[in-house]
Amino acid sequence: MRERSPGASRTQNLETPRAAGVAGILFAVLLAAAIVLARIGLPEGAGGSTVNVDAAQRNAVNTAVGLIPFAGIAFLWFVGAVRAHTGEAEDRFLATVFLGSGLVFVASLFVAAAAAGTVLSAQQPQQFGRHFAYELLTTYGMRMAAVFVFATSTIGRKLGTFPRGLSLAGVVVGLALLVGSSVPWSELVFPAWALLISVYILWAARHAPSGPGAARHAP
């Protein structure tokens, strides 16, 4: 079997953080856009058994539902790139929590999008479908996102790839996602965090030292 050259290994170590950063930014933008459109198209609130949705609101929700699969793909790319970067240095317990919470979050996101799409497919959209979609997104999806944030921040701190302030910010964001599910628009905290992390990853990869020791210092 042919061994990889040290130069190829260094290139891979530098490219993986960039892949994670690009995927994270793409995910953050797509998810934030989908959340805003869904909030506009299907606003929360009390009412009768049906939901009054005009043409503009239907278009907003349809666009949001269309964006969700791409947001999920970008998120899985982000998760895979981060895991590939940590490699053998990762803690098995934290890696399991990191991967598991990420997968459950994506599953919740997809089911919530499917529920929102089902609401619009009916002649008279039902309140139950709207509440079901929001419950999946805000109660289950965002709490899994909180676990993902905690795991990512802990891994970053343990490996020394995140500065202390960024790890502490992750703790604050995680707590906000855990206890703030009843606050409208609070779910935007997650894509904002993902954007912050991704921008930092790209910045750190750009300023990573070159040479034989670069692989140890690249975030």
C-alpha atoms as a PDB file:
ATOM      1  CA  MET A   1       0.000   0.000   0.000  1.00  0.00           C
ATOM      2  CA  ARG A   2       1.373   3.371  -0.959  1.00  0.00           C
ATOM      3  CA  GLU A   3       1.916   5.750   1.956  1.00  0.00           C
ATOM      4  CA  ARG A   4       0.665   9.331   1.762  1.00  0.00           C
ATOM      5  CA  SER A   5       3.324  11.976   1.655  1.00  0.00           C
ATOM      6  CA  PRO A   6       3.613  14.482   4.540  1.00  0.00           C
ATOM      7  CA  GLY A   7       2.674  17.252   2.111  1.00  0.00           C
ATOM      8  CA  ALA A   8      -0.616  15.525   1.255  1.00  0.00           C
ATOM      9  CA  SER A   9      -1.406  15.086   4.952  1.00  0.00           C
ATOM     10  CA  ARG A  10      -0.784  18.770   5.672  1.00  0.00           C
ATOM     11  CA  THR A  11      -2.986  19.744   2.726  1.00  0.00           C
ATOM     12  CA  GLN A  12      -5.810  17.550   4.040  1.00  0.00           C
ATOM     13  CA  ASN A  13      -5.446  19.010   7.541  1.00  0.00           C
ATOM     14  CA  LEU A  14      -5.746  22.522   6.132  1.00  0.00           C
ATOM     15  CA  GLU A  15      -8.613  21.770   3.739  1.00  0.00           C
ATOM     16  CA  THR A  16     -10.851  20.027   6.299  1.00  0.00           C
ATOM     17  CA  PRO A  17     -11.392  23.115   8.515  1.00  0.00           C
ATOM     18  CA  ARG A  18     -12.140  25.178   5.409  1.00  0.00           C
ATOM     19  CA  ALA A  19     -14.737  22.604   4.336  1.00  0.00           C
ATOM     20  CA  ALA A  20     -16.310  22.756   7.796  1.00  0.00           C
ATOM     21  CA  GLY A  21     -16.323  26.556   7.731  1.00  0.00           C
ATOM     22  CA  VAL A  22     -17.938  26.814   4.294  1.00  0.00           C
ATOM     23  CA  ALA A  23     -20.549  24.162   5.155  1.00  0.00           C
ATOM     24  CA  GLY A  24     -21.329  25.856   8.460  1.00  0.00           C
ATOM     25  CA  ILE A  25     -21.856  29.253   6.838  1.00  0.00           C
ATOM     26  CA  LEU A  26     -24.081  27.726   4.151  1.00  0.00           C
ATOM     27  CA  PHE A  27     -26.114  25.904   6.807  1.00  0.00           C
ATOM     28  CA  ALA A  28     -26.482  29.020   8.959  1.00  0.00           C
ATOM     29  CA  VAL A  29     -27.719  31.163   6.065  1.00  0.00           C
ATOM     30  CA  LEU A  30     -30.151  28.532   4.746  1.00  0.00           C
ATOM     31  CA  LEU A  31     -31.588  27.651   8.170  1.00  0.00           C
ATOM     32  CA  ALA A  32     -31.988  31.287   9.205  1.00  0.00           C
ATOM     33  CA  ALA A  33     -33.770  32.069   5.939  1.00  0.00           C
ATOM     34  CA  ALA A  34     -36.043  29.031   6.337  1.00  0.00           C
ATOM     35  CA  ILE A  35     -36.936  29.969   9.925  1.00  0.00           C
ATOM     36  CA  VAL A  36     -37.754  33.562   9.013  1.00  0.00           C
ATOM     37  CA  LEU A  37     -39.888  32.495   6.051  1.00  0.00           C
ATOM     38  CA  ALA A  38     -41.698  29.862   8.116  1.00  0.00           C
ATOM     39  CA  ARG A  39     -42.388  32.363  10.905  1.00  0.00           C
ATOM     40  CA  ILE A  40     -43.791  34.830   8.383  1.00  0.00           C
ATOM     41  CA  GLY A  41     -45.825  32.227   6.511  1.00  0.00           C
ATOM     42  CA  LEU A  42     -47.201  30.345   9.527  1.00  0.00           C
ATOM     43  CA  PRO A  43     -47.147  32.714  12.503  1.00  0.00           C
ATOM     44  CA  GLU A  44     -47.843  31.234  15.911  1.00  0.00           C
ATOM     45  CA  GLY A  45     -50.941  32.263  17.827  1.00  0.00           C
ATOM     46  CA  ALA A  46     -54.312  31.144  19.063  1.00  0.00           C
ATOM     47  CA  GLY A  47     -57.234  30.775  16.724  1.00  0.00           C
ATOM     48  CA  GLY A  48     -59.878  28.399  15.462  1.00  0.00           C
ATOM     49  CA  SER A  49     -59.365  24.889  14.141  1.00  0.00           C
ATOM     50  CA  THR A  50     -58.107  26.158  10.784  1.00  0.00           C
ATOM     51  CA  VAL A  51     -55.354  28.533   9.703  1.00  0.00           C
ATOM     52  CA  ASN A  52     -55.956  31.424   7.318  1.00  0.00           C
ATOM     53  CA  VAL A  53     -53.042  31.454   4.869  1.00  0.00           C
ATOM     54  CA  ASP A  54     -52.899  33.818   1.916  1.00  0.00           C
ATOM     55  CA  ALA A  55     -50.888  33.348  -1.297  1.00  0.00           C
ATOM     56  CA  ALA A  56     -47.856  35.269  -0.027  1.00  0.00           C
ATOM     57  CA  GLN A  57     -47.730  33.184   3.141  1.00  0.00           C
ATOM     58  CA  ARG A  58     -48.008  29.962   1.149  1.00  0.00           C
ATOM     59  CA  ASN A  59     -45.109  31.051  -1.034  1.00  0.00           C
ATOM     60  CA  ALA A  60     -43.028  31.905   2.030  1.00  0.00           C
ATOM     61  CA  VAL A  61     -43.625  28.513   3.652  1.00  0.00           C
ATOM     62  CA  ASN A  62     -43.087  26.641   0.377  1.00  0.00           C
ATOM     63  CA  THR A  63     -39.745  28.408  -0.023  1.00  0.00           C
ATOM     64  CA  ALA A  64     -38.808  27.576   3.571  1.00  0.00           C
ATOM     65  CA  VAL A  65     -39.703  23.909   3.059  1.00  0.00           C
ATOM     66  CA  GLY A  66     -37.610  23.879  -0.118  1.00  0.00           C
ATOM     67  CA  LEU A  67     -34.573  25.310   1.703  1.00  0.00           C
ATOM     68  CA  ILE A  68     -34.636  22.820   4.588  1.00  0.00           C
ATOM     69  CA  PRO A  69     -33.172  19.803   2.716  1.00  0.00           C
ATOM     70  CA  PHE A  70     -30.217  21.883   1.552  1.00  0.00           C
ATOM     71  CA  ALA A  71     -29.711  23.232   5.075  1.00  0.00           C
ATOM     72  CA  GLY A  72     -29.710  19.657   6.382  1.00  0.00           C
ATOM     73  CA  ILE A  73     -27.166  18.533   3.778  1.00  0.00           C
ATOM     74  CA  ALA A  74     -24.885  21.467   4.618  1.00  0.00           C
ATOM     75  CA  PHE A  75     -25.216  20.656   8.331  1.00  0.00           C
ATOM     76  CA  LEU A  76     -24.266  17.005   7.784  1.00  0.00           C
ATOM     77  CA  TRP A  77     -21.294  18.187   5.722  1.00  0.00           C
ATOM     78  CA  PHE A  78     -20.312  20.463   8.598  1.00  0.00           C
ATOM     79  CA  VAL A  79     -20.602  17.581  11.107  1.00  0.00           C
ATOM     80  CA  GLY A  80     -18.573  15.251   8.895  1.00  0.00           C
ATOM     81  CA  ALA A  81     -15.833  17.795   8.310  1.00  0.00           C
ATOM     82  CA  VAL A  82     -15.511  18.555  12.025  1.00  0.00           C
ATOM     83  CA  ARG A  83     -15.338  14.845  12.868  1.00  0.00           C
ATOM     84  CA  ALA A  84     -12.749  14.239  10.153  1.00  0.00           C
ATOM     85  CA  HIS A  85     -10.670  17.073  11.558  1.00  0.00           C
ATOM     86  CA  THR A  86     -10.717  15.836  15.159  1.00  0.00           C
ATOM     87  CA  GLY A  87      -9.773  12.333  13.981  1.00  0.00           C
ATOM     88  CA  GLU A  88      -8.254  10.012  16.554  1.00  0.00           C
ATOM     89  CA  ALA A  89      -7.958  12.826  19.083  1.00  0.00           C
ATOM     90  CA  GLU A  90     -11.723  12.907  19.683  1.00  0.00           C
ATOM     91  CA  ASP A  91     -13.240  11.687  22.935  1.00  0.00           C
ATOM     92  CA  ARG A  92     -15.568   8.766  22.199  1.00  0.00           C
ATOM     93  CA  PHE A  93     -18.283   9.905  24.589  1.00  0.00           C
ATOM     94  CA  LEU A  94     -18.300  13.467  23.282  1.00  0.00           C
ATOM     95  CA  ALA A  95     -18.061  12.228  19.694  1.00  0.00           C
ATOM     96  CA  THR A  96     -21.142  10.046  20.222  1.00  0.00           C
ATOM     97  CA  VAL A  97     -23.120  12.924  21.741  1.00  0.00           C
ATOM     98  CA  PHE A  98     -21.901  15.269  18.998  1.00  0.00           C
ATOM     99  CA  LEU A  99     -22.897  12.930  16.161  1.00  0.00           C
ATOM    100  CA  GLY A 100     -26.115  11.666  17.774  1.00  0.00           C
ATOM    101  CA  SER A 101     -27.486  15.102  18.599  1.00  0.00           C
ATOM    102  CA  GLY A 102     -26.609  16.337  15.115  1.00  0.00           C
ATOM    103  CA  LEU A 103     -28.455  13.469  13.440  1.00  0.00           C
ATOM    104  CA  VAL A 104     -31.535  13.835  15.664  1.00  0.00           C
ATOM    105  CA  PHE A 105     -31.563  17.581  14.975  1.00  0.00           C
ATOM    106  CA  VAL A 106     -31.555  16.998  11.215  1.00  0.00           C
ATOM    107  CA  ALA A 107     -34.305  14.386  11.554  1.00  0.00           C
ATOM    108  CA  SER A 108     -36.436  16.813  13.596  1.00  0.00           C
ATOM    109  CA  LEU A 109     -35.781  19.556  11.066  1.00  0.00           C
ATOM    110  CA  PHE A 110     -36.884  17.389   8.153  1.00  0.00           C
ATOM    111  CA  VAL A 111     -40.037  16.154   9.919  1.00  0.00           C
ATOM    112  CA  ALA A 112     -40.949  19.718  10.923  1.00  0.00           C
ATOM    113  CA  ALA A 113     -40.543  20.814   7.300  1.00  0.00           C
ATOM    114  CA  ALA A 114     -42.696  17.902   6.140  1.00  0.00           C
ATOM    115  CA  ALA A 115     -45.368  18.857   8.676  1.00  0.00           C
ATOM    116  CA  ALA A 116     -45.333  22.479   7.505  1.00  0.00           C
ATOM    117  CA  GLY A 117     -45.653  21.329   3.914  1.00  0.00           C
ATOM    118  CA  THR A 118     -48.588  19.101   4.845  1.00  0.00           C
ATOM    119  CA  VAL A 119     -50.358  22.061   6.448  1.00  0.00           C
ATOM    120  CA  LEU A 120     -50.251  23.933   3.136  1.00  0.00           C
ATOM    121  CA  SER A 121     -51.375  20.956   1.070  1.00  0.00           C
ATOM    122  CA  ALA A 122     -54.827  20.997   2.686  1.00  0.00           C
ATOM    123  CA  GLN A 123     -57.637  23.193   1.382  1.00  0.00           C
ATOM    124  CA  GLN A 124     -58.154  24.500   4.929  1.00  0.00           C
ATOM    125  CA  PRO A 125     -54.861  24.200   6.838  1.00  0.00           C
ATOM    126  CA  GLN A 126     -55.350  22.916  10.366  1.00  0.00           C
ATOM    127  CA  GLN A 127     -54.010  24.499  13.549  1.00  0.00           C
ATOM    128  CA  PHE A 128     -52.830  21.054  14.677  1.00  0.00           C
ATOM    129  CA  GLY A 129     -50.395  20.760  11.769  1.00  0.00           C
ATOM    130  CA  ARG A 130     -48.980  24.199  12.452  1.00  0.00           C
ATOM    131  CA  HIS A 131     -48.525  23.494  16.176  1.00  0.00           C
ATOM    132  CA  PHE A 132     -46.988  20.103  15.372  1.00  0.00           C
ATOM    133  CA  ALA A 133     -44.417  21.682  13.062  1.00  0.00           C
ATOM    134  CA  TYR A 134     -43.481  24.341  15.614  1.00  0.00           C
ATOM    135  CA  GLU A 135     -43.330  21.796  18.429  1.00  0.00           C
ATOM    136  CA  LEU A 136     -40.876  19.660  16.469  1.00  0.00           C
ATOM    137  CA  LEU A 137     -38.712  22.631  15.560  1.00  0.00           C
ATOM    138  CA  THR A 138     -38.675  24.617  18.796  1.00  0.00           C
ATOM    139  CA  THR A 139     -39.065  21.951  21.490  1.00  0.00           C
ATOM    140  CA  TYR A 140     -37.297  18.907  20.094  1.00  0.00           C
ATOM    141  CA  GLY A 141     -35.103  20.165  17.271  1.00  0.00           C
ATOM    142  CA  MET A 142     -33.670  23.142  19.146  1.00  0.00           C
ATOM    143  CA  ARG A 143     -33.023  21.133  22.297  1.00  0.00           C
ATOM    144  CA  MET A 144     -31.048  18.657  20.245  1.00  0.00           C
ATOM    145  CA  ALA A 145     -29.284  21.670  18.747  1.00  0.00           C
ATOM    146  CA  ALA A 146     -28.445  22.751  22.303  1.00  0.00           C
ATOM    147  CA  VAL A 147     -26.815  19.381  23.004  1.00  0.00           C
ATOM    148  CA  PHE A 148     -24.895  19.695  19.729  1.00  0.00           C
ATOM    149  CA  VAL A 149     -23.665  23.165  20.717  1.00  0.00           C
ATOM    150  CA  PHE A 150     -22.540  21.913  24.140  1.00  0.00           C
ATOM    151  CA  ALA A 151     -20.700  18.949  22.600  1.00  0.00           C
ATOM    152  CA  THR A 152     -19.038  21.048  19.891  1.00  0.00           C
ATOM    153  CA  SER A 153     -17.915  23.689  22.387  1.00  0.00           C
ATOM    154  CA  THR A 154     -16.518  21.059  24.751  1.00  0.00           C
ATOM    155  CA  ILE A 155     -14.635  19.303  21.939  1.00  0.00           C
ATOM    156  CA  GLY A 156     -13.262  22.632  20.727  1.00  0.00           C
ATOM    157  CA  ARG A 157     -12.115  23.546  24.229  1.00  0.00           C
ATOM    158  CA  LYS A 158     -10.527  20.152  24.924  1.00  0.00           C
ATOM    159  CA  LEU A 159      -8.623  20.114  21.658  1.00  0.00           C
ATOM    160  CA  GLY A 160      -7.639  23.759  22.018  1.00  0.00           C
ATOM    161  CA  THR A 161      -9.199  24.691  18.673  1.00  0.00           C
ATOM    162  CA  PHE A 162     -11.670  27.208  20.134  1.00  0.00           C
ATOM    163  CA  PRO A 163     -10.642  30.201  22.254  1.00  0.00           C
ATOM    164  CA  ARG A 164     -12.094  30.342  25.757  1.00  0.00           C
ATOM    165  CA  GLY A 165     -14.545  33.106  24.850  1.00  0.00           C
ATOM    166  CA  LEU A 166     -15.974  31.097  21.953  1.00  0.00           C
ATOM    167  CA  SER A 167     -16.439  28.034  24.156  1.00  0.00           C
ATOM    168  CA  LEU A 168     -18.213  30.131  26.798  1.00  0.00           C
ATOM    169  CA  ALA A 169     -20.427  31.630  24.112  1.00  0.00           C
ATOM    170  CA  GLY A 170     -21.393  28.076  23.172  1.00  0.00           C
ATOM    171  CA  VAL A 171     -22.484  27.384  26.748  1.00  0.00           C
ATOM    172  CA  VAL A 172     -24.661  30.512  26.749  1.00  0.00           C
ATOM    173  CA  VAL A 173     -26.197  29.616  23.374  1.00  0.00           C
ATOM    174  CA  GLY A 174     -26.826  26.040  24.491  1.00  0.00           C
ATOM    175  CA  LEU A 175     -28.618  27.201  27.632  1.00  0.00           C
ATOM    176  CA  ALA A 176     -30.679  29.678  25.618  1.00  0.00           C
ATOM    177  CA  LEU A 177     -31.770  26.904  23.246  1.00  0.00           C
ATOM    178  CA  LEU A 178     -32.615  24.587  26.133  1.00  0.00           C
ATOM    179  CA  VAL A 179     -34.802  26.978  28.105  1.00  0.00           C
ATOM    180  CA  GLY A 180     -35.904  29.474  25.477  1.00  0.00           C
ATOM    181  CA  SER A 181     -38.019  27.276  23.210  1.00  0.00           C
ATOM    182  CA  SER A 182     -41.181  29.149  24.217  1.00  0.00           C
ATOM    183  CA  VAL A 183     -39.704  32.509  23.136  1.00  0.00           C
ATOM    184  CA  PRO A 184     -40.640  33.356  19.518  1.00  0.00           C
ATOM    185  CA  TRP A 185     -37.693  33.611  17.127  1.00  0.00           C
ATOM    186  CA  SER A 186     -35.277  32.221  19.739  1.00  0.00           C
ATOM    187  CA  GLU A 187     -34.388  29.398  17.342  1.00  0.00           C
ATOM    188  CA  LEU A 188     -32.391  31.925  15.289  1.00  0.00           C
ATOM    189  CA  VAL A 189     -29.737  31.739  18.002  1.00  0.00           C
ATOM    190  CA  PHE A 190     -28.579  28.396  16.606  1.00  0.00           C
ATOM    191  CA  PRO A 191     -27.774  29.503  13.032  1.00  0.00           C
ATOM    192  CA  ALA A 192     -26.181  32.652  14.489  1.00  0.00           C
ATOM    193  CA  TRP A 193     -23.883  30.450  16.589  1.00  0.00           C
ATOM    194  CA  ALA A 194     -23.130  28.203  13.614  1.00  0.00           C
ATOM    195  CA  LEU A 195     -22.210  31.275  11.572  1.00  0.00           C
ATOM    196  CA  LEU A 196     -19.899  32.543  14.328  1.00  0.00           C
ATOM    197  CA  ILE A 197     -18.178  29.167  14.663  1.00  0.00           C
ATOM    198  CA  SER A 198     -17.789  28.782  10.904  1.00  0.00           C
ATOM    199  CA  VAL A 199     -16.323  32.249  10.411  1.00  0.00           C
ATOM    200  CA  TYR A 200     -13.836  31.549  13.205  1.00  0.00           C
ATOM    201  CA  ILE A 201     -12.885  28.186  11.663  1.00  0.00           C
ATOM    202  CA  LEU A 202     -12.207  29.852   8.310  1.00  0.00           C
ATOM    203  CA  TRP A 203     -10.251  32.663   9.948  1.00  0.00           C
ATOM    204  CA  ALA A 204      -8.165  30.208  11.987  1.00  0.00           C
ATOM    205  CA  ALA A 205      -7.504  28.006   8.942  1.00  0.00           C
ATOM    206  CA  ARG A 206      -6.355  31.062   6.987  1.00  0.00           C
ATOM    207  CA  HIS A 207      -3.963  32.076   9.754  1.00  0.00           C
ATOM    208  CA  ALA A 208      -2.776  28.560  10.610  1.00  0.00           C
ATOM    209  CA  PRO A 209       1.031  28.235  10.739  1.00  0.00           C
ATOM    210  CA  SER A 210       2.658  26.428   7.820  1.00  0.00           C
ATOM    211  CA  GLY A 211       5.422  23.919   8.039  1.00  0.00           C
ATOM    212  CA  PRO A 212       5.962  20.584   9.824  1.00  0.00           C
ATOM    213  CA  GLY A 213       4.013  21.613  12.942  1.00  0.00           C
ATOM    214  CA  ALA A 214       1.018  23.008  11.098  1.00  0.00           C
ATOM    215  CA  ALA A 215      -1.110  19.894  11.486  1.00  0.00           C
ATOM    216  CA  ARG A 216      -0.948  20.159  15.258  1.00  0.00           C
ATOM    217  CA  HIS A 217      -2.008  23.782  15.369  1.00  0.00           C
ATOM    218  CA  ALA A 218      -4.649  23.907  12.630  1.00  0.00           C
ATOM    219  CA  PRO A 219      -8.118  24.229  14.232  1.00  0.00           C
END
